Amino acid sequence: MSVSAFVVKVPAAEPLVGDMRMRFDASCKLGAPAHITVLFPFMSADDITPAVIHQAQVALDEVPSFSISLDGAIGRFMGLPESPSTLFLSPDPPEPFVALTTALVRSFPMFRPYKGAHDDVVSHLTVAHGDASDVHAAAIELKQRLRTSPLIQQRATR
């Protein structure tokens, strides 16, 4: 069974992190572009109807389009020894992403972010996900790249 998600694509980040994501984030190998997740998991792709799309659009329209930047703020979710770690870039500002998530959950209360596993929504663009040593190596590389990279800016409109 396939599962869907709501994301904001961030193509402006691809030059900085695209090849790193290909090496360190399995979702990239599945075709997921650089993105900030708004709601995952959502319903099976087979269950998405025009009515569901309309309901989602009404919810998302509550949040006006906004500009974001990825200014080099790096974060990590540290897994337990048997679970994966995650390296990410934090968007500035994060609040519009939280507002999008909140609007979708209000409209689709049966779908909680990450199945309700976390109390807070932490908006992020995943760069690496997996073994802690791989995530550490990716962090070193990302820090080096950020020193010479221009600020990533983008408008989120859909």
Protein backbone atom coordinates (compact mmCIF):
# COMPACT_ATOMS: atom_id res chain seq x y z
CA MET A 1 0.00 0.00 0.00
CA SER A 2 1.37 3.39 -0.96
CA VAL A 3 1.30 6.30 1.42
CA SER A 4 1.20 9.98 0.57
CA ALA A 5 2.48 13.19 2.14
CA PHE A 6 2.10 16.93 1.89
CA VAL A 7 5.40 18.70 1.26
CA VAL A 8 6.73 22.05 0.15
CA LYS A 9 9.32 21.42 -2.54
CA VAL A 10 12.53 23.43 -2.14
CA PRO A 11 14.27 23.28 -5.52
CA ALA A 12 16.55 26.15 -4.48
CA ALA A 13 18.23 23.71 -2.06
CA GLU A 14 19.08 21.09 -4.69
CA PRO A 15 22.47 22.58 -5.71
CA LEU A 16 23.59 22.55 -2.09
CA VAL A 17 22.20 19.24 -0.85
CA GLY A 18 20.95 17.21 -3.82
CA ASP A 19 23.97 14.94 -4.14
CA MET A 20 24.24 14.57 -0.35
CA ARG A 21 20.60 13.55 -0.16
CA MET A 22 21.22 10.97 -2.87
CA ARG A 23 23.98 9.44 -0.73
CA PHE A 24 22.48 9.84 2.73
CA ASP A 25 18.65 9.96 2.42
CA ALA A 26 16.76 6.98 0.99
CA SER A 27 13.70 9.13 0.19
CA CYS A 28 15.76 10.86 -2.47
CA LYS A 29 16.36 7.54 -4.21
CA LEU A 30 12.57 7.05 -4.25
CA GLY A 31 12.22 10.29 -6.20
CA ALA A 32 11.46 12.73 -3.38
CA PRO A 33 12.94 16.15 -4.18
CA ALA A 34 14.43 18.46 -1.57
CA HIS A 35 11.41 19.38 0.53
CA ILE A 36 10.01 20.37 3.89
CA THR A 37 7.37 17.93 5.05
CA VAL A 38 4.05 19.43 6.06
CA LEU A 39 2.15 16.22 6.88
CA PHE A 40 3.35 12.61 6.78
CA PRO A 41 1.97 10.05 6.62
CA PHE A 42 -1.25 10.88 4.85
CA MET A 43 -3.74 8.48 3.31
CA SER A 44 -3.02 5.86 0.70
CA ALA A 45 -2.56 7.42 -2.72
CA ASP A 46 -5.35 5.14 -3.96
CA ASP A 47 -7.81 6.81 -1.55
CA ILE A 48 -7.13 10.38 -2.69
CA THR A 49 -10.17 11.62 -4.57
CA PRO A 50 -11.01 15.02 -6.07
CA ALA A 51 -13.05 15.69 -2.90
CA VAL A 52 -9.98 15.00 -0.72
CA ILE A 53 -7.87 17.30 -2.89
CA HIS A 54 -10.52 20.03 -2.58
CA GLN A 55 -10.73 19.61 1.21
CA ALA A 56 -6.93 19.83 1.45
CA GLN A 57 -6.82 22.92 -0.77
CA VAL A 58 -9.41 24.68 1.38
CA ALA A 59 -7.33 23.89 4.48
CA LEU A 60 -4.05 24.98 2.88
CA ASP A 61 -5.59 28.22 1.58
CA GLU A 62 -5.86 29.33 5.22
CA VAL A 63 -2.11 30.03 5.11
CA PRO A 64 -0.99 32.75 2.68
CA SER A 65 2.09 32.18 0.52
CA PHE A 66 5.34 33.04 2.27
CA SER A 67 9.08 33.41 1.75
CA ILE A 68 11.56 31.12 3.42
CA SER A 69 15.28 30.93 3.70
CA LEU A 70 17.64 28.16 4.65
CA ASP A 71 20.35 30.23 6.27
CA GLY A 72 22.59 27.45 7.48
CA ALA A 73 20.80 26.52 10.70
CA ILE A 74 21.59 22.83 11.04
CA GLY A 75 19.73 20.49 13.36
CA ARG A 76 19.74 16.83 14.26
CA PHE A 77 17.29 14.29 15.52
CA MET A 78 19.39 11.75 17.36
CA GLY A 79 18.12 8.19 17.18
CA LEU A 80 18.58 5.53 19.76
CA PRO A 81 21.37 3.04 19.01
CA GLU A 82 18.97 0.85 17.04
CA SER A 83 17.13 3.68 15.25
CA PRO A 84 18.23 6.19 12.61
CA SER A 85 19.49 9.71 13.14
CA THR A 86 18.57 12.69 10.95
CA LEU A 87 20.53 15.76 9.83
CA PHE A 88 18.49 18.68 8.58
CA LEU A 89 18.37 22.34 7.64
CA SER A 90 15.85 24.47 9.53
CA PRO A 91 13.73 26.91 7.53
CA ASP A 92 13.38 30.51 8.58
CA PRO A 93 10.65 31.18 9.51
CA PRO A 94 9.30 27.78 10.60
CA GLU A 95 5.88 29.08 11.67
CA PRO A 96 4.17 28.98 8.25
CA PHE A 97 4.98 25.28 7.92
CA VAL A 98 3.52 24.61 11.36
CA ALA A 99 0.43 26.57 10.31
CA LEU A 100 0.08 24.40 7.18
CA THR A 101 0.37 21.24 9.29
CA THR A 102 -2.15 22.55 11.79
CA ALA A 103 -4.63 23.43 9.04
CA LEU A 104 -4.36 19.98 7.48
CA VAL A 105 -4.70 18.16 10.80
CA ARG A 106 -7.75 20.26 11.64
CA SER A 107 -9.27 19.21 8.31
CA PHE A 108 -8.07 15.57 8.49
CA PRO A 109 -7.86 14.78 12.24
CA MET A 110 -7.28 11.09 11.64
CA PHE A 111 -3.83 11.90 10.16
CA ARG A 112 -1.38 13.17 12.78
CA PRO A 113 2.17 14.19 11.87
CA TYR A 114 4.41 11.12 12.09
CA LYS A 115 1.43 9.18 13.52
CA GLY A 116 1.50 11.36 16.64
CA ALA A 117 4.97 10.14 17.65
CA HIS A 118 6.17 13.67 18.48
CA ASP A 119 4.54 16.42 20.55
CA ASP A 120 5.89 19.30 18.47
CA VAL A 121 6.15 19.94 14.75
CA VAL A 122 9.78 20.65 13.82
CA SER A 123 9.86 21.92 10.25
CA HIS A 124 12.98 20.74 8.48
CA LEU A 125 14.61 19.79 5.19
CA THR A 126 16.24 16.39 5.64
CA VAL A 127 19.78 16.12 4.29
CA ALA A 128 20.77 12.77 5.79
CA HIS A 129 18.87 10.01 7.53
CA GLY A 130 20.31 6.75 8.78
CA ASP A 131 23.28 5.44 10.66
CA ALA A 132 24.72 7.92 13.17
CA SER A 133 28.23 7.71 11.66
CA ASP A 134 26.87 8.54 8.17
CA VAL A 135 24.85 11.42 9.59
CA HIS A 136 27.96 12.72 11.36
CA ALA A 137 29.98 12.58 8.13
CA ALA A 138 27.17 14.37 6.31
CA ALA A 139 27.12 17.09 8.99
CA ILE A 140 30.82 17.78 8.52
CA GLU A 141 30.37 18.00 4.76
CA LEU A 142 27.27 20.19 5.04
CA LYS A 143 29.03 22.64 7.37
CA GLN A 144 31.88 22.98 4.87
CA ARG A 145 29.47 23.58 2.00
CA LEU A 146 27.50 26.18 3.93
CA ARG A 147 30.62 28.30 4.43
CA THR A 148 30.79 29.03 0.70
CA SER A 149 27.15 28.67 -0.31
CA PRO A 150 24.82 31.57 -0.96
CA LEU A 151 21.74 31.91 1.21
CA ILE A 152 18.92 29.67 -0.05
CA GLN A 153 15.74 31.68 -0.48
CA GLN A 154 12.45 30.69 -1.98
CA ARG A 155 8.80 31.67 -2.04
CA ALA A 156 6.35 28.95 -0.97
CA THR A 157 3.24 29.38 -3.08
CA ARG A 158 1.78 25.88 -3.41
